[in-house]
Amino acid sequence: MSRGRAFVLGATGQVGRAAVRALAEDGWDVTAGSRGGGPDSTWGPDVRSVSLDREDEGALAAVLGNGCDVLVDMVAFDGAHARQLTGLTGRVGSAVVISSGAVYEDDRGRGFDTQGEPDGAPHYPLPIPETQRTVAPGDTTYATRKIQLEQELLAAGGELPVTLLRAGAIHGEYCRTPRELYFVKRLLDGRARRVLAYDGMSRFHPVHVSNLAELIRLAALRPASRVLNAGDPQAPTVSEIAAAIDDVLGRKTETVLVAGAPPEGHVGETPWTSAHPIVYDMASARHDLGYVPVTDYADSLPATVEWLASELHGRKWTEAFPKMARNYGETLFDYAAEDAWLAEYDRGA
């Protein structure tokens, strides 16, 4: 017997692929909506695929037809998208929407948006509960637009129950900005040494796509208006992540640890690097949804590394991952700067 009708918006993205699969396997009649409209090879034959661009006026409402029991939105971004969803009240039973841990700020008003400023690194409580203060809503940054989305959806909770999942550092196959690339490419390029700032102790709580899909599956079964963190069972340090990737590829890398900030430019800075740990409290997800993680970071890593290596094969990294290149720039793999600093380090040592 079917659990009901589920519509997944952004279905062919990294998280969408896994969410469609999890819902279909759990007995939902799933419609997968995306701009391309094509199916994923891992979905069962009963998943229906449709093409739509949510920015086209009336496109989402038209595709939904008579509605659905749960709408899962991977790509909602701001207040306009919130109003698009609340405009479907009466046709959608409940919704699950992906938000971000970037909405949090510390007790001095520092958050992801202030990290580039002097003394701008946020110092969050450890772990961060959903009750932690957040940035002010607005139209200027990713964080301010995400909290605008959250607040407008929660305000409509009496008519449209919405679970908002504040995701950590999403990882797994099909990621457009895979942080693991930082270490995988270095190993494939034969780099024998690496530099890690803050003594390699930075922590930015990851969440594997399968764990995020499990949270979506559970939230679909228990409609309510709420905000929940979304993370893996552990938040490894950047040193632990580097060592785990070494193990997957069967390599041994010398690590040079630097106390404090990157010593020069971006040397020692990784996509996880932060002055203070960023770890999300998962107690509410366990209590409200009965959440039990599907995997942990180390167990999920081999498939991610294999996928990254295959994507890099025969291509420049900027071609394989153009969004990663736009976000981080060429300094992500500035080996010349690293080697120059290491030469100075060796002379000093």
C-alpha atoms as a PDB file:
ATOM      1  CA  MET A   1       0.000   0.000   0.000  1.00  0.00           C
ATOM      2  CA  SER A   2       1.308   3.438  -0.959  1.00  0.00           C
ATOM      3  CA  ARG A   3       2.234   5.929   1.741  1.00  0.00           C
ATOM      4  CA  GLY A   4       0.931   8.688  -0.513  1.00  0.00           C
ATOM      5  CA  ARG A   5       2.155  11.017  -3.227  1.00  0.00           C
ATOM      6  CA  ALA A   6       5.535  12.682  -2.872  1.00  0.00           C
ATOM      7  CA  PHE A   7       6.897  15.371  -5.171  1.00  0.00           C
ATOM      8  CA  VAL A   8      10.656  16.065  -5.096  1.00  0.00           C
ATOM      9  CA  LEU A   9      11.813  19.396  -6.518  1.00  0.00           C
ATOM     10  CA  GLY A  10      15.461  19.472  -7.561  1.00  0.00           C
ATOM     11  CA  ALA A  11      15.400  15.707  -7.949  1.00  0.00           C
ATOM     12  CA  THR A  12      18.510  15.216 -10.071  1.00  0.00           C
ATOM     13  CA  GLY A  13      20.831  17.183  -7.788  1.00  0.00           C
ATOM     14  CA  GLN A  14      23.133  15.532  -5.280  1.00  0.00           C
ATOM     15  CA  VAL A  15      20.613  15.302  -2.438  1.00  0.00           C
ATOM     16  CA  GLY A  16      17.576  14.947  -4.681  1.00  0.00           C
ATOM     17  CA  ARG A  17      18.826  11.722  -6.230  1.00  0.00           C
ATOM     18  CA  ALA A  18      19.164  10.098  -2.820  1.00  0.00           C
ATOM     19  CA  ALA A  19      15.880  11.521  -1.509  1.00  0.00           C
ATOM     20  CA  VAL A  20      13.863  10.184  -4.446  1.00  0.00           C
ATOM     21  CA  ARG A  21      15.412   6.767  -3.974  1.00  0.00           C
ATOM     22  CA  ALA A  22      14.765   6.737  -0.201  1.00  0.00           C
ATOM     23  CA  LEU A  23      11.132   7.811  -0.557  1.00  0.00           C
ATOM     24  CA  ALA A  24      10.390   5.372  -3.364  1.00  0.00           C
ATOM     25  CA  GLU A  25      11.937   2.482  -1.439  1.00  0.00           C
ATOM     26  CA  ASP A  26       9.814   3.468   1.571  1.00  0.00           C
ATOM     27  CA  GLY A  27       6.596   3.064  -0.402  1.00  0.00           C
ATOM     28  CA  TRP A  28       5.804   6.575  -1.639  1.00  0.00           C
ATOM     29  CA  ASP A  29       4.525   7.265  -5.148  1.00  0.00           C
ATOM     30  CA  VAL A  30       7.282   9.657  -6.172  1.00  0.00           C
ATOM     31  CA  THR A  31       7.335  12.290  -8.883  1.00  0.00           C
ATOM     32  CA  ALA A  32      10.841  13.634  -9.508  1.00  0.00           C
ATOM     33  CA  GLY A  33      10.909  17.196 -10.791  1.00  0.00           C
ATOM     34  CA  SER A  34      13.966  18.870 -12.293  1.00  0.00           C
ATOM     35  CA  ARG A  35      14.926  21.241 -15.082  1.00  0.00           C
ATOM     36  CA  GLY A  36      16.248  18.402 -17.211  1.00  0.00           C
ATOM     37  CA  GLY A  37      13.378  16.089 -16.318  1.00  0.00           C
ATOM     38  CA  GLY A  38      15.387  12.915 -16.778  1.00  0.00           C
ATOM     39  CA  PRO A  39      15.483   9.897 -14.464  1.00  0.00           C
ATOM     40  CA  ASP A  40      18.422   8.642 -12.429  1.00  0.00           C
ATOM     41  CA  SER A  41      19.666   5.128 -13.130  1.00  0.00           C
ATOM     42  CA  THR A  42      19.329   4.180  -9.435  1.00  0.00           C
ATOM     43  CA  TRP A  43      15.607   4.963  -9.250  1.00  0.00           C
ATOM     44  CA  GLY A  44      13.053   2.251  -9.664  1.00  0.00           C
ATOM     45  CA  PRO A  45      10.752   2.084 -12.697  1.00  0.00           C
ATOM     46  CA  ASP A  46       7.789   3.460 -10.744  1.00  0.00           C
ATOM     47  CA  VAL A  47       9.360   6.914 -10.227  1.00  0.00           C
ATOM     48  CA  ARG A  48       7.780   9.459 -12.563  1.00  0.00           C
ATOM     49  CA  SER A  49      10.091  12.158 -13.914  1.00  0.00           C
ATOM     50  CA  VAL A  50       8.910  15.587 -15.051  1.00  0.00           C
ATOM     51  CA  SER A  51      10.647  18.684 -16.377  1.00  0.00           C
ATOM     52  CA  LEU A  52      10.045  22.117 -14.882  1.00  0.00           C
ATOM     53  CA  ASP A  53      11.773  25.360 -13.966  1.00  0.00           C
ATOM     54  CA  ARG A  54      10.366  26.672 -10.693  1.00  0.00           C
ATOM     55  CA  GLU A  55      11.183  30.234 -11.781  1.00  0.00           C
ATOM     56  CA  ASP A  56       8.635  30.014 -14.604  1.00  0.00           C
ATOM     57  CA  GLU A  57       5.376  31.551 -13.423  1.00  0.00           C
ATOM     58  CA  GLY A  58       2.893  28.852 -12.488  1.00  0.00           C
ATOM     59  CA  ALA A  59       5.142  25.957 -13.573  1.00  0.00           C
ATOM     60  CA  LEU A  60       5.294  24.241 -10.189  1.00  0.00           C
ATOM     61  CA  ALA A  61       1.563  24.569  -9.565  1.00  0.00           C
ATOM     62  CA  ALA A  62       0.809  23.213 -13.031  1.00  0.00           C
ATOM     63  CA  VAL A  63       3.020  20.149 -12.592  1.00  0.00           C
ATOM     64  CA  LEU A  64       1.540  19.397  -9.164  1.00  0.00           C
ATOM     65  CA  GLY A  65      -1.954  19.193 -10.633  1.00  0.00           C
ATOM     66  CA  ASN A  66      -4.265  18.023  -7.869  1.00  0.00           C
ATOM     67  CA  GLY A  67      -1.428  18.268  -5.362  1.00  0.00           C
ATOM     68  CA  CYS A  68       0.597  15.862  -3.275  1.00  0.00           C
ATOM     69  CA  ASP A  69       0.864  14.612   0.277  1.00  0.00           C
ATOM     70  CA  VAL A  70       4.434  15.815   0.765  1.00  0.00           C
ATOM     71  CA  LEU A  71       6.581  18.188  -1.268  1.00  0.00           C
ATOM     72  CA  VAL A  72      10.354  17.908  -0.782  1.00  0.00           C
ATOM     73  CA  ASP A  73      12.222  21.012  -1.909  1.00  0.00           C
ATOM     74  CA  MET A  74      15.988  20.760  -2.401  1.00  0.00           C
ATOM     75  CA  VAL A  75      16.470  24.138  -4.049  1.00  0.00           C
ATOM     76  CA  ALA A  76      14.332  26.649  -2.131  1.00  0.00           C
ATOM     77  CA  PHE A  77      16.534  29.642  -1.479  1.00  0.00           C
ATOM     78  CA  ASP A  78      14.719  32.771  -0.309  1.00  0.00           C
ATOM     79  CA  GLY A  79      11.494  34.531   0.545  1.00  0.00           C
ATOM     80  CA  ALA A  80      10.174  34.317  -3.004  1.00  0.00           C
ATOM     81  CA  HIS A  81      10.490  30.547  -2.922  1.00  0.00           C
ATOM     82  CA  ALA A  82       8.817  30.464   0.484  1.00  0.00           C
ATOM     83  CA  ARG A  83       5.854  32.378  -0.919  1.00  0.00           C
ATOM     84  CA  GLN A  84       5.751  30.033  -3.896  1.00  0.00           C
ATOM     85  CA  LEU A  85       5.395  27.103  -1.496  1.00  0.00           C
ATOM     86  CA  THR A  86       2.863  28.758   0.814  1.00  0.00           C
ATOM     87  CA  GLY A  87       0.837  29.627  -2.270  1.00  0.00           C
ATOM     88  CA  LEU A  88       0.256  25.895  -2.669  1.00  0.00           C
ATOM     89  CA  THR A  89      -1.526  25.619   0.678  1.00  0.00           C
ATOM     90  CA  GLY A  90      -4.489  23.297   0.336  1.00  0.00           C
ATOM     91  CA  ARG A  91      -2.832  21.309  -2.443  1.00  0.00           C
ATOM     92  CA  VAL A  92       0.224  20.155  -0.462  1.00  0.00           C
ATOM     93  CA  GLY A  93      -0.180  18.211   2.775  1.00  0.00           C
ATOM     94  CA  SER A  94       3.254  19.036   4.182  1.00  0.00           C
ATOM     95  CA  ALA A  95       6.736  19.985   3.029  1.00  0.00           C
ATOM     96  CA  VAL A  96      10.357  19.159   3.778  1.00  0.00           C
ATOM     97  CA  VAL A  97      12.796  21.892   2.790  1.00  0.00           C
ATOM     98  CA  ILE A  98      16.593  21.948   2.823  1.00  0.00           C
ATOM     99  CA  SER A  99      18.078  24.882   4.701  1.00  0.00           C
ATOM    100  CA  SER A 100      21.614  25.354   6.014  1.00  0.00           C
ATOM    101  CA  GLY A 101      23.635  25.573   9.217  1.00  0.00           C
ATOM    102  CA  ALA A 102      25.027  28.781   7.731  1.00  0.00           C
ATOM    103  CA  VAL A 103      22.047  30.630   9.248  1.00  0.00           C
ATOM    104  CA  TYR A 104      23.535  30.449  12.764  1.00  0.00           C
ATOM    105  CA  GLU A 105      25.494  33.287  14.348  1.00  0.00           C
ATOM    106  CA  ASP A 106      27.336  33.340  17.658  1.00  0.00           C
ATOM    107  CA  ASP A 107      26.505  35.514  20.650  1.00  0.00           C
ATOM    108  CA  ARG A 108      28.615  38.351  19.222  1.00  0.00           C
ATOM    109  CA  GLY A 109      26.847  38.326  15.859  1.00  0.00           C
ATOM    110  CA  ARG A 110      29.591  36.459  13.989  1.00  0.00           C
ATOM    111  CA  GLY A 111      28.693  33.788  11.451  1.00  0.00           C
ATOM    112  CA  PHE A 112      29.607  32.402   8.058  1.00  0.00           C
ATOM    113  CA  ASP A 113      29.242  35.868   6.520  1.00  0.00           C
ATOM    114  CA  THR A 114      31.872  37.411   8.823  1.00  0.00           C
ATOM    115  CA  GLN A 115      34.580  34.755   8.515  1.00  0.00           C
ATOM    116  CA  GLY A 116      36.736  36.902   6.236  1.00  0.00           C
ATOM    117  CA  GLU A 117      36.762  39.838   8.655  1.00  0.00           C
ATOM    118  CA  PRO A 118      39.323  40.454  11.434  1.00  0.00           C
ATOM    119  CA  ASP A 119      38.174  38.409  14.444  1.00  0.00           C
ATOM    120  CA  GLY A 120      35.164  37.423  12.349  1.00  0.00           C
ATOM    121  CA  ALA A 121      35.338  33.650  12.870  1.00  0.00           C
ATOM    122  CA  PRO A 122      32.191  32.545  14.721  1.00  0.00           C
ATOM    123  CA  HIS A 123      32.632  30.862  18.112  1.00  0.00           C
ATOM    124  CA  TYR A 124      29.520  28.732  18.422  1.00  0.00           C
ATOM    125  CA  PRO A 125      28.466  26.641  21.414  1.00  0.00           C
ATOM    126  CA  LEU A 126      29.537  23.021  21.156  1.00  0.00           C
ATOM    127  CA  PRO A 127      27.348  21.489  19.813  1.00  0.00           C
ATOM    128  CA  ILE A 128      25.041  24.055  18.204  1.00  0.00           C
ATOM    129  CA  PRO A 129      21.355  23.550  19.129  1.00  0.00           C
ATOM    130  CA  GLU A 130      18.506  24.653  16.879  1.00  0.00           C
ATOM    131  CA  THR A 131      17.721  27.357  19.462  1.00  0.00           C
ATOM    132  CA  GLN A 132      21.008  29.153  18.737  1.00  0.00           C
ATOM    133  CA  ARG A 133      20.461  32.692  17.444  1.00  0.00           C
ATOM    134  CA  THR A 134      20.453  33.216  13.676  1.00  0.00           C
ATOM    135  CA  VAL A 135      21.333  35.980  11.247  1.00  0.00           C
ATOM    136  CA  ALA A 136      18.768  38.618  10.357  1.00  0.00           C
ATOM    137  CA  PRO A 137      16.714  37.837   7.238  1.00  0.00           C
ATOM    138  CA  GLY A 138      17.599  39.721   4.079  1.00  0.00           C
ATOM    139  CA  ASP A 139      18.392  39.557   0.384  1.00  0.00           C
ATOM    140  CA  THR A 140      22.162  39.980   0.456  1.00  0.00           C
ATOM    141  CA  THR A 141      23.834  36.656   1.327  1.00  0.00           C
ATOM    142  CA  TYR A 142      23.199  32.933   1.230  1.00  0.00           C
ATOM    143  CA  ALA A 143      22.667  32.878   5.014  1.00  0.00           C
ATOM    144  CA  THR A 144      20.311  35.871   5.162  1.00  0.00           C
ATOM    145  CA  ARG A 145      18.229  34.547   2.282  1.00  0.00           C
ATOM    146  CA  LYS A 146      18.002  31.073   3.814  1.00  0.00           C
ATOM    147  CA  ILE A 147      16.754  32.462   7.148  1.00  0.00           C
ATOM    148  CA  GLN A 148      14.235  34.581   5.241  1.00  0.00           C
ATOM    149  CA  LEU A 149      13.009  31.363   3.628  1.00  0.00           C
ATOM    150  CA  GLU A 150      12.799  29.650   7.012  1.00  0.00           C
ATOM    151  CA  GLN A 151      10.912  32.423   8.780  1.00  0.00           C
ATOM    152  CA  GLU A 152       8.283  32.842   6.088  1.00  0.00           C
ATOM    153  CA  LEU A 153       7.651  29.097   5.935  1.00  0.00           C
ATOM    154  CA  LEU A 154       7.435  28.723   9.707  1.00  0.00           C
ATOM    155  CA  ALA A 155       4.994  31.626   9.868  1.00  0.00           C
ATOM    156  CA  ALA A 156       2.653  29.629   7.621  1.00  0.00           C
ATOM    157  CA  GLY A 157       3.001  26.476   9.701  1.00  0.00           C
ATOM    158  CA  GLY A 158      -0.648  26.430  10.728  1.00  0.00           C
ATOM    159  CA  GLU A 159      -1.677  25.844   7.120  1.00  0.00           C
ATOM    160  CA  LEU A 160       1.408  24.144   5.682  1.00  0.00           C
ATOM    161  CA  PRO A 161       3.531  22.073   8.089  1.00  0.00           C
ATOM    162  CA  VAL A 162       7.180  22.391   7.019  1.00  0.00           C
ATOM    163  CA  THR A 163      10.265  20.592   8.318  1.00  0.00           C
ATOM    164  CA  LEU A 164      13.375  22.692   7.646  1.00  0.00           C
ATOM    165  CA  LEU A 165      16.630  20.740   7.683  1.00  0.00           C
ATOM    166  CA  ARG A 166      19.703  22.832   8.511  1.00  0.00           C
ATOM    167  CA  ALA A 167      22.322  20.822   6.682  1.00  0.00           C
ATOM    168  CA  GLY A 168      25.984  20.717   7.573  1.00  0.00           C
ATOM    169  CA  ALA A 169      28.780  20.190   5.022  1.00  0.00           C
ATOM    170  CA  ILE A 170      27.028  17.911   2.527  1.00  0.00           C
ATOM    171  CA  HIS A 171      29.237  15.189   1.079  1.00  0.00           C
ATOM    172  CA  GLY A 172      28.951  12.172  -1.182  1.00  0.00           C
ATOM    173  CA  GLU A 173      28.745  11.437  -4.872  1.00  0.00           C
ATOM    174  CA  TYR A 174      27.452  14.015  -7.372  1.00  0.00           C
ATOM    175  CA  CYS A 175      28.482  16.987  -5.219  1.00  0.00           C
ATOM    176  CA  ARG A 176      29.183  20.106  -7.281  1.00  0.00           C
ATOM    177  CA  THR A 177      31.551  21.505  -4.628  1.00  0.00           C
ATOM    178  CA  PRO A 178      33.143  18.394  -3.068  1.00  0.00           C
ATOM    179  CA  ARG A 179      35.401  19.386  -0.184  1.00  0.00           C
ATOM    180  CA  GLU A 180      37.126  15.980  -0.349  1.00  0.00           C
ATOM    181  CA  LEU A 181      38.569  17.072  -3.694  1.00  0.00           C
ATOM    182  CA  TYR A 182      41.109  19.133  -1.715  1.00  0.00           C
ATOM    183  CA  PHE A 183      42.857  15.988  -0.467  1.00  0.00           C
ATOM    184  CA  VAL A 184      41.990  13.534  -3.255  1.00  0.00           C
ATOM    185  CA  LYS A 185      43.518  15.665  -6.007  1.00  0.00           C
ATOM    186  CA  ARG A 186      46.684  16.242  -3.970  1.00  0.00           C
ATOM    187  CA  LEU A 187      47.161  12.514  -3.569  1.00  0.00           C
ATOM    188  CA  LEU A 188      46.452  11.809  -7.228  1.00  0.00           C
ATOM    189  CA  ASP A 189      48.983  14.515  -8.121  1.00  0.00           C
ATOM    190  CA  GLY A 190      51.637  12.775  -6.000  1.00  0.00           C
ATOM    191  CA  ARG A 191      51.848  15.362  -3.248  1.00  0.00           C
ATOM    192  CA  ALA A 192      53.751  13.855  -0.316  1.00  0.00           C
ATOM    193  CA  ARG A 193      53.219  16.676   2.200  1.00  0.00           C
ATOM    194  CA  ARG A 194      50.335  18.851   3.301  1.00  0.00           C
ATOM    195  CA  VAL A 195      49.960  21.858   5.582  1.00  0.00           C
ATOM    196  CA  LEU A 196      47.029  22.216   7.970  1.00  0.00           C
ATOM    197  CA  ALA A 197      46.259  25.390   9.917  1.00  0.00           C
ATOM    198  CA  TYR A 198      44.859  25.394  13.466  1.00  0.00           C
ATOM    199  CA  ASP A 199      46.860  22.222  14.195  1.00  0.00           C
ATOM    200  CA  GLY A 200      44.496  20.302  11.911  1.00  0.00           C
ATOM    201  CA  MET A 201      41.777  20.492  14.560  1.00  0.00           C
ATOM    202  CA  SER A 202      39.155  22.400  12.530  1.00  0.00           C
ATOM    203  CA  ARG A 203      35.766  20.714  12.470  1.00  0.00           C
ATOM    204  CA  PHE A 204      32.892  21.499  10.112  1.00  0.00           C
ATOM    205  CA  HIS A 205      30.139  18.956  10.749  1.00  0.00           C
ATOM    206  CA  PRO A 206      29.501  16.880   7.606  1.00  0.00           C
ATOM    207  CA  VAL A 207      26.304  15.194   6.492  1.00  0.00           C
ATOM    208  CA  HIS A 208      26.309  12.427   3.914  1.00  0.00           C
ATOM    209  CA  VAL A 209      23.583  12.520   1.271  1.00  0.00           C
ATOM    210  CA  SER A 210      22.197   9.190   2.494  1.00  0.00           C
ATOM    211  CA  ASN A 211      21.816  10.569   6.035  1.00  0.00           C
ATOM    212  CA  LEU A 212      20.126  13.688   4.705  1.00  0.00           C
ATOM    213  CA  ALA A 213      17.817  11.493   2.619  1.00  0.00           C
ATOM    214  CA  GLU A 214      16.977   9.487   5.738  1.00  0.00           C
ATOM    215  CA  LEU A 215      16.042  12.676   7.587  1.00  0.00           C
ATOM    216  CA  ILE A 216      13.827  13.639   4.648  1.00  0.00           C
ATOM    217  CA  ARG A 217      12.180  10.206   4.667  1.00  0.00           C
ATOM    218  CA  LEU A 218      11.463  10.392   8.389  1.00  0.00           C
ATOM    219  CA  ALA A 219      10.186  13.986   8.230  1.00  0.00           C
ATOM    220  CA  ALA A 220       7.795  13.028   5.419  1.00  0.00           C
ATOM    221  CA  LEU A 221       6.249  10.449   7.746  1.00  0.00           C
ATOM    222  CA  ARG A 222       5.869  12.904  10.648  1.00  0.00           C
ATOM    223  CA  PRO A 223       4.566  16.244   9.324  1.00  0.00           C
ATOM    224  CA  ALA A 224       5.147  19.251  11.606  1.00  0.00           C
ATOM    225  CA  SER A 225       6.497  22.786  11.510  1.00  0.00           C
ATOM    226  CA  ARG A 226      10.001  22.632  12.950  1.00  0.00           C
ATOM    227  CA  VAL A 227      13.682  23.238  12.362  1.00  0.00           C
ATOM    228  CA  LEU A 228      16.159  20.372  12.708  1.00  0.00           C
ATOM    229  CA  ASN A 229      19.911  20.123  12.308  1.00  0.00           C
ATOM    230  CA  ALA A 230      21.163  17.615   9.744  1.00  0.00           C
ATOM    231  CA  GLY A 231      24.511  15.945  10.368  1.00  0.00           C
ATOM    232  CA  ASP A 232      26.469  12.713  10.414  1.00  0.00           C
ATOM    233  CA  PRO A 233      26.967  10.784  13.674  1.00  0.00           C
ATOM    234  CA  GLN A 234      30.465  12.271  14.073  1.00  0.00           C
ATOM    235  CA  ALA A 235      32.168  15.529  13.151  1.00  0.00           C
ATOM    236  CA  PRO A 236      35.779  14.534  12.323  1.00  0.00           C
ATOM    237  CA  THR A 237      38.651  17.007  12.437  1.00  0.00           C
ATOM    238  CA  VAL A 238      40.281  18.022   9.179  1.00  0.00           C
ATOM    239  CA  SER A 239      43.326  15.936  10.185  1.00  0.00           C
ATOM    240  CA  GLU A 240      41.077  12.891  10.605  1.00  0.00           C
ATOM    241  CA  ILE A 241      39.461  13.518   7.232  1.00  0.00           C
ATOM    242  CA  ALA A 242      42.868  13.795   5.550  1.00  0.00           C
ATOM    243  CA  ALA A 243      44.067  10.574   7.167  1.00  0.00           C
ATOM    244  CA  ALA A 244      40.880   8.733   6.186  1.00  0.00           C
ATOM    245  CA  ILE A 245      41.319   9.758   2.536  1.00  0.00           C
ATOM    246  CA  ASP A 246      44.947   8.614   2.695  1.00  0.00           C
ATOM    247  CA  ASP A 247      43.697   5.221   3.878  1.00  0.00           C
ATOM    248  CA  VAL A 248      41.150   4.927   1.068  1.00  0.00           C
ATOM    249  CA  LEU A 249      43.812   5.601  -1.568  1.00  0.00           C
ATOM    250  CA  GLY A 250      46.487   3.591   0.213  1.00  0.00           C
ATOM    251  CA  ARG A 251      48.834   6.563   0.570  1.00  0.00           C
ATOM    252  CA  LYS A 252      50.917   8.014   3.376  1.00  0.00           C
ATOM    253  CA  THR A 253      51.212  11.796   3.597  1.00  0.00           C
ATOM    254  CA  GLU A 254      53.396  13.862   5.894  1.00  0.00           C
ATOM    255  CA  THR A 255      51.319  16.491   7.643  1.00  0.00           C
ATOM    256  CA  VAL A 256      52.823  19.786   8.766  1.00  0.00           C
ATOM    257  CA  LEU A 257      50.648  21.304  11.478  1.00  0.00           C
ATOM    258  CA  VAL A 258      50.526  25.039  12.035  1.00  0.00           C
ATOM    259  CA  ALA A 259      49.190  26.549  15.244  1.00  0.00           C
ATOM    260  CA  GLY A 260      46.653  29.225  14.435  1.00  0.00           C
ATOM    261  CA  ALA A 261      45.583  30.722  11.138  1.00  0.00           C
ATOM    262  CA  PRO A 262      47.036  29.867   7.709  1.00  0.00           C
ATOM    263  CA  PRO A 263      50.656  31.068   7.868  1.00  0.00           C
ATOM    264  CA  GLU A 264      50.727  32.725   4.456  1.00  0.00           C
ATOM    265  CA  GLY A 265      47.913  33.413   2.022  1.00  0.00           C
ATOM    266  CA  HIS A 266      45.825  30.265   1.646  1.00  0.00           C
ATOM    267  CA  VAL A 267      48.577  27.827   2.613  1.00  0.00           C
ATOM    268  CA  GLY A 268      47.153  25.396   5.170  1.00  0.00           C
ATOM    269  CA  GLU A 269      43.561  26.441   4.488  1.00  0.00           C
ATOM    270  CA  THR A 270      41.084  23.740   3.467  1.00  0.00           C
ATOM    271  CA  PRO A 271      37.348  23.804   2.697  1.00  0.00           C
ATOM    272  CA  TRP A 272      36.749  22.694   6.309  1.00  0.00           C
ATOM    273  CA  THR A 273      39.132  25.160   7.954  1.00  0.00           C
ATOM    274  CA  SER A 274      37.742  27.304  10.762  1.00  0.00           C
ATOM    275  CA  ALA A 275      39.225  28.851  13.864  1.00  0.00           C
ATOM    276  CA  HIS A 276      36.581  27.243  16.064  1.00  0.00           C
ATOM    277  CA  PRO A 277      34.629  23.973  15.697  1.00  0.00           C
ATOM    278  CA  ILE A 278      31.271  23.937  13.911  1.00  0.00           C
ATOM    279  CA  VAL A 279      29.344  20.955  15.260  1.00  0.00           C
ATOM    280  CA  TYR A 280      25.559  20.566  15.139  1.00  0.00           C
ATOM    281  CA  ASP A 281      23.469  19.069  17.929  1.00  0.00           C
ATOM    282  CA  MET A 282      21.507  16.124  16.543  1.00  0.00           C
ATOM    283  CA  ALA A 283      19.445  15.422  19.683  1.00  0.00           C
ATOM    284  CA  SER A 284      16.262  16.989  18.268  1.00  0.00           C
ATOM    285  CA  ALA A 285      16.397  14.889  15.107  1.00  0.00           C
ATOM    286  CA  ARG A 286      16.766  11.768  17.201  1.00  0.00           C
ATOM    287  CA  HIS A 287      13.918  12.801  19.524  1.00  0.00           C
ATOM    288  CA  ASP A 288      11.466  14.195  16.958  1.00  0.00           C
ATOM    289  CA  LEU A 289      12.066  11.771  14.098  1.00  0.00           C
ATOM    290  CA  GLY A 290      13.772   8.752  15.631  1.00  0.00           C
ATOM    291  CA  TYR A 291      16.739   9.524  13.392  1.00  0.00           C
ATOM    292  CA  VAL A 292      19.418   6.839  13.178  1.00  0.00           C
ATOM    293  CA  PRO A 293      22.223   7.640  10.694  1.00  0.00           C
ATOM    294  CA  VAL A 294      22.531   5.379   7.674  1.00  0.00           C
ATOM    295  CA  THR A 295      26.320   5.738   7.531  1.00  0.00           C
ATOM    296  CA  ASP A 296      29.233   7.556   9.095  1.00  0.00           C
ATOM    297  CA  TYR A 297      31.927   9.614   7.433  1.00  0.00           C
ATOM    298  CA  ALA A 298      34.617   6.939   7.156  1.00  0.00           C
ATOM    299  CA  ASP A 299      32.281   4.243   5.828  1.00  0.00           C
ATOM    300  CA  SER A 300      30.840   6.550   3.158  1.00  0.00           C
ATOM    301  CA  LEU A 301      34.250   7.801   1.983  1.00  0.00           C
ATOM    302  CA  PRO A 302      35.399   5.042  -0.447  1.00  0.00           C
ATOM    303  CA  ALA A 303      32.470   5.607  -2.820  1.00  0.00           C
ATOM    304  CA  THR A 304      33.024   9.374  -2.726  1.00  0.00           C
ATOM    305  CA  VAL A 305      36.744   9.066  -3.436  1.00  0.00           C
ATOM    306  CA  GLU A 306      36.151   6.611  -6.277  1.00  0.00           C
ATOM    307  CA  TRP A 307      33.616   8.981  -7.830  1.00  0.00           C
ATOM    308  CA  LEU A 308      35.970  11.963  -7.494  1.00  0.00           C
ATOM    309  CA  ALA A 309      38.837  10.068  -9.108  1.00  0.00           C
ATOM    310  CA  SER A 310      36.625   9.034 -12.017  1.00  0.00           C
ATOM    311  CA  GLU A 311      35.406  12.611 -12.518  1.00  0.00           C
ATOM    312  CA  LEU A 312      38.992  13.912 -12.547  1.00  0.00           C
ATOM    313  CA  HIS A 313      40.299  11.280 -14.954  1.00  0.00           C
ATOM    314  CA  GLY A 314      41.537  12.954 -18.123  1.00  0.00           C
ATOM    315  CA  ARG A 315      40.200  16.389 -17.142  1.00  0.00           C
ATOM    316  CA  LYS A 316      41.348  19.519 -15.375  1.00  0.00           C
ATOM    317  CA  TRP A 317      39.710  19.905 -11.990  1.00  0.00           C
ATOM    318  CA  THR A 318      38.231  23.238 -13.073  1.00  0.00           C
ATOM    319  CA  GLU A 319      36.439  21.468 -15.931  1.00  0.00           C
ATOM    320  CA  ALA A 320      35.240  18.593 -13.766  1.00  0.00           C
ATOM    321  CA  PHE A 321      34.036  20.874 -10.966  1.00  0.00           C
ATOM    322  CA  PRO A 322      33.395  24.372 -12.355  1.00  0.00           C
ATOM    323  CA  LYS A 323      31.277  25.473  -9.369  1.00  0.00           C
ATOM    324  CA  MET A 324      34.093  24.437  -7.014  1.00  0.00           C
ATOM    325  CA  ALA A 325      36.468  26.533  -9.103  1.00  0.00           C
ATOM    326  CA  ARG A 326      34.140  29.531  -8.944  1.00  0.00           C
ATOM    327  CA  ASN A 327      33.705  29.226  -5.183  1.00  0.00           C
ATOM    328  CA  TYR A 328      37.333  28.656  -4.208  1.00  0.00           C
ATOM    329  CA  GLY A 329      39.462  29.774  -7.154  1.00  0.00           C
ATOM    330  CA  GLU A 330      42.868  28.545  -8.276  1.00  0.00           C
ATOM    331  CA  THR A 331      44.340  29.079  -4.788  1.00  0.00           C
ATOM    332  CA  LEU A 332      42.754  25.758  -3.759  1.00  0.00           C
ATOM    333  CA  PHE A 333      45.655  23.955  -5.437  1.00  0.00           C
ATOM    334  CA  ASP A 334      48.422  26.561  -5.362  1.00  0.00           C
ATOM    335  CA  TYR A 335      51.246  24.071  -5.046  1.00  0.00           C
ATOM    336  CA  ALA A 336      53.900  26.689  -5.788  1.00  0.00           C
ATOM    337  CA  ALA A 337      52.862  28.743  -2.756  1.00  0.00           C
ATOM    338  CA  GLU A 338      52.776  25.617  -0.584  1.00  0.00           C
ATOM    339  CA  ASP A 339      56.220  24.495  -1.727  1.00  0.00           C
ATOM    340  CA  ALA A 340      57.702  27.945  -1.173  1.00  0.00           C
ATOM    341  CA  TRP A 341      56.332  28.078   2.361  1.00  0.00           C
ATOM    342  CA  LEU A 342      57.454  24.498   3.093  1.00  0.00           C
ATOM    343  CA  ALA A 343      60.980  25.366   1.901  1.00  0.00           C
ATOM    344  CA  GLU A 344      61.079  28.242   4.376  1.00  0.00           C
ATOM    345  CA  TYR A 345      59.633  25.998   7.069  1.00  0.00           C
ATOM    346  CA  ASP A 346      62.317  23.354   6.452  1.00  0.00           C
ATOM    347  CA  ARG A 347      65.085  25.948   6.654  1.00  0.00           C
ATOM    348  CA  GLY A 348      63.693  27.221   9.936  1.00  0.00           C
ATOM    349  CA  ALA A 349      63.305  23.726  11.310  1.00  0.00           C
END
